[in-house]
Amino acid sequence: MQTNDQLVTLLSRHIGKGNGIGVKDIARQIGANERHVRTMVSDLRDEGLAVCGTPRHGYYIAATPEELEETCPFCAAAPCTASASNPGCAASRCPICWGSFTCRLKGDQP
């Protein structure tokens, strides 16, 4: 079973939107299907990791607060994937939209 740690390791080589990686490439590299990759990304966001993703740039870890803000519309437009830890629609489950990533990115939170 693929783990979130494997995804974090991979994404740590993709900092900033210019270094994004597509879901198909992630899935191939860690041996997961695309749906599982998206679930892991959601889990990492719930844990406070600044994972951004757009159709144009793929997934990447934010290098700046502005990159997080640019990702918000894509996250809010995503279909609902309610979970036990974060029930509700995409906008309510998105830490990017609620600003928690920006604080962590700036070092304001542990």
Protein backbone atom coordinates (compact mmCIF):
# COMPACT_ATOMS: atom_id res chain seq x y z
CA MET A 1 0.00 0.00 0.00
CA GLN A 2 1.31 3.42 -0.93
CA THR A 3 1.76 5.84 1.94
CA ASN A 4 1.50 9.56 2.39
CA ASP A 5 5.21 9.54 3.26
CA GLN A 6 6.01 8.28 -0.24
CA LEU A 7 4.01 11.14 -1.72
CA VAL A 8 5.68 13.70 0.56
CA THR A 9 9.09 12.40 -0.50
CA LEU A 10 8.15 12.73 -4.16
CA LEU A 11 6.56 16.17 -3.77
CA SER A 12 9.60 17.42 -1.85
CA ARG A 13 11.34 17.41 -5.24
CA HIS A 14 8.54 19.54 -6.71
CA ILE A 15 8.60 22.88 -4.92
CA GLY A 16 6.88 25.78 -6.70
CA LYS A 17 4.41 25.75 -9.56
CA GLY A 18 7.16 25.68 -12.16
CA ASN A 19 8.16 22.27 -10.82
CA GLY A 20 4.75 20.60 -10.64
CA ILE A 21 4.15 16.96 -11.44
CA GLY A 22 1.02 15.48 -12.99
CA VAL A 23 -1.15 12.94 -11.20
CA LYS A 24 -0.38 10.28 -13.81
CA ASP A 25 3.35 10.68 -13.21
CA ILE A 26 2.87 10.57 -9.44
CA ALA A 27 0.73 7.45 -9.71
CA ARG A 28 3.31 5.72 -11.89
CA GLN A 29 6.24 6.67 -9.67
CA ILE A 30 4.69 5.53 -6.39
CA GLY A 31 2.69 2.62 -7.79
CA ALA A 32 -0.78 3.93 -7.01
CA ASN A 33 -3.86 4.70 -9.04
CA GLU A 34 -4.81 8.32 -9.71
CA ARG A 35 -7.79 8.25 -7.35
CA HIS A 36 -5.57 7.09 -4.48
CA VAL A 37 -3.06 9.85 -5.26
CA ARG A 38 -5.83 12.44 -5.01
CA THR A 39 -6.97 10.96 -1.70
CA MET A 40 -3.41 11.12 -0.36
CA VAL A 41 -3.10 14.75 -1.51
CA SER A 42 -6.30 15.56 0.37
CA ASP A 43 -4.95 13.81 3.47
CA LEU A 44 -1.71 15.77 3.28
CA ARG A 45 -3.64 19.02 2.97
CA ASP A 46 -5.70 18.03 6.01
CA GLU A 47 -2.41 17.51 7.88
CA GLY A 48 -1.33 21.05 6.95
CA LEU A 49 1.12 20.41 4.13
CA ALA A 50 0.97 23.16 1.50
CA VAL A 51 0.18 20.91 -1.48
CA CYS A 52 -1.02 22.91 -4.46
CA GLY A 53 -2.47 21.52 -7.64
CA THR A 54 -3.77 22.93 -10.88
CA PRO A 55 -4.54 21.32 -14.23
CA ARG A 56 -1.81 23.38 -15.88
CA HIS A 57 1.00 22.89 -13.34
CA GLY A 58 0.17 19.56 -11.67
CA TYR A 59 0.84 19.00 -7.97
CA TYR A 60 3.59 20.81 -6.11
CA ILE A 61 4.44 22.17 -2.69
CA ALA A 62 3.89 25.90 -2.48
CA ALA A 63 6.96 28.07 -2.54
CA THR A 64 5.05 31.27 -1.72
CA PRO A 65 1.75 32.29 -0.12
CA GLU A 66 0.65 33.55 -3.54
CA GLU A 67 0.92 30.05 -4.99
CA LEU A 68 -1.45 28.83 -2.30
CA GLU A 69 -3.95 31.55 -3.11
CA GLU A 70 -3.78 30.72 -6.83
CA THR A 71 -4.67 27.10 -6.04
CA CYS A 72 -7.79 27.92 -4.02
CA PRO A 73 -10.22 28.23 -6.97
CA PHE A 74 -9.23 24.78 -8.23
CA CYS A 75 -9.69 23.24 -4.81
CA ALA A 76 -13.09 24.86 -4.32
CA ALA A 77 -14.21 23.65 -7.75
CA ALA A 78 -13.23 20.05 -6.98
CA PRO A 79 -16.02 17.56 -6.44
CA CYS A 80 -17.01 16.81 -2.86
CA THR A 81 -14.88 14.15 -1.20
CA ALA A 82 -16.26 14.21 2.32
CA SER A 83 -14.24 12.32 4.88
CA ALA A 84 -14.58 11.53 8.55
CA SER A 85 -12.03 14.19 9.43
CA ASN A 86 -13.45 16.87 7.14
CA PRO A 87 -17.06 16.34 6.09
CA GLY A 88 -18.71 18.75 3.70
CA CYS A 89 -18.08 20.24 0.33
CA ALA A 90 -14.72 20.95 -1.22
CA ALA A 91 -14.53 24.59 -0.13
CA SER A 92 -15.17 23.74 3.51
CA ARG A 93 -12.54 20.96 3.54
CA CYS A 94 -9.84 23.00 1.84
CA PRO A 95 -7.25 24.36 4.28
CA ILE A 96 -5.92 26.51 1.45
CA CYS A 97 -9.23 28.35 1.24
CA TRP A 98 -9.31 28.82 4.99
CA GLY A 99 -5.75 30.15 5.19
CA SER A 100 -4.15 27.57 7.45
CA PHE A 101 -1.39 26.81 4.94
CA THR A 102 -0.33 30.42 4.60
CA CYS A 103 0.39 30.63 8.32
CA ARG A 104 2.42 27.43 8.30
CA LEU A 105 4.28 28.51 5.18
CA LYS A 106 5.28 31.74 6.89
CA GLY A 107 6.42 29.80 9.95
CA ASP A 108 3.69 31.12 12.25
CA GLN A 109 2.53 27.63 13.24
CA PRO A 110 4.50 24.53 14.21
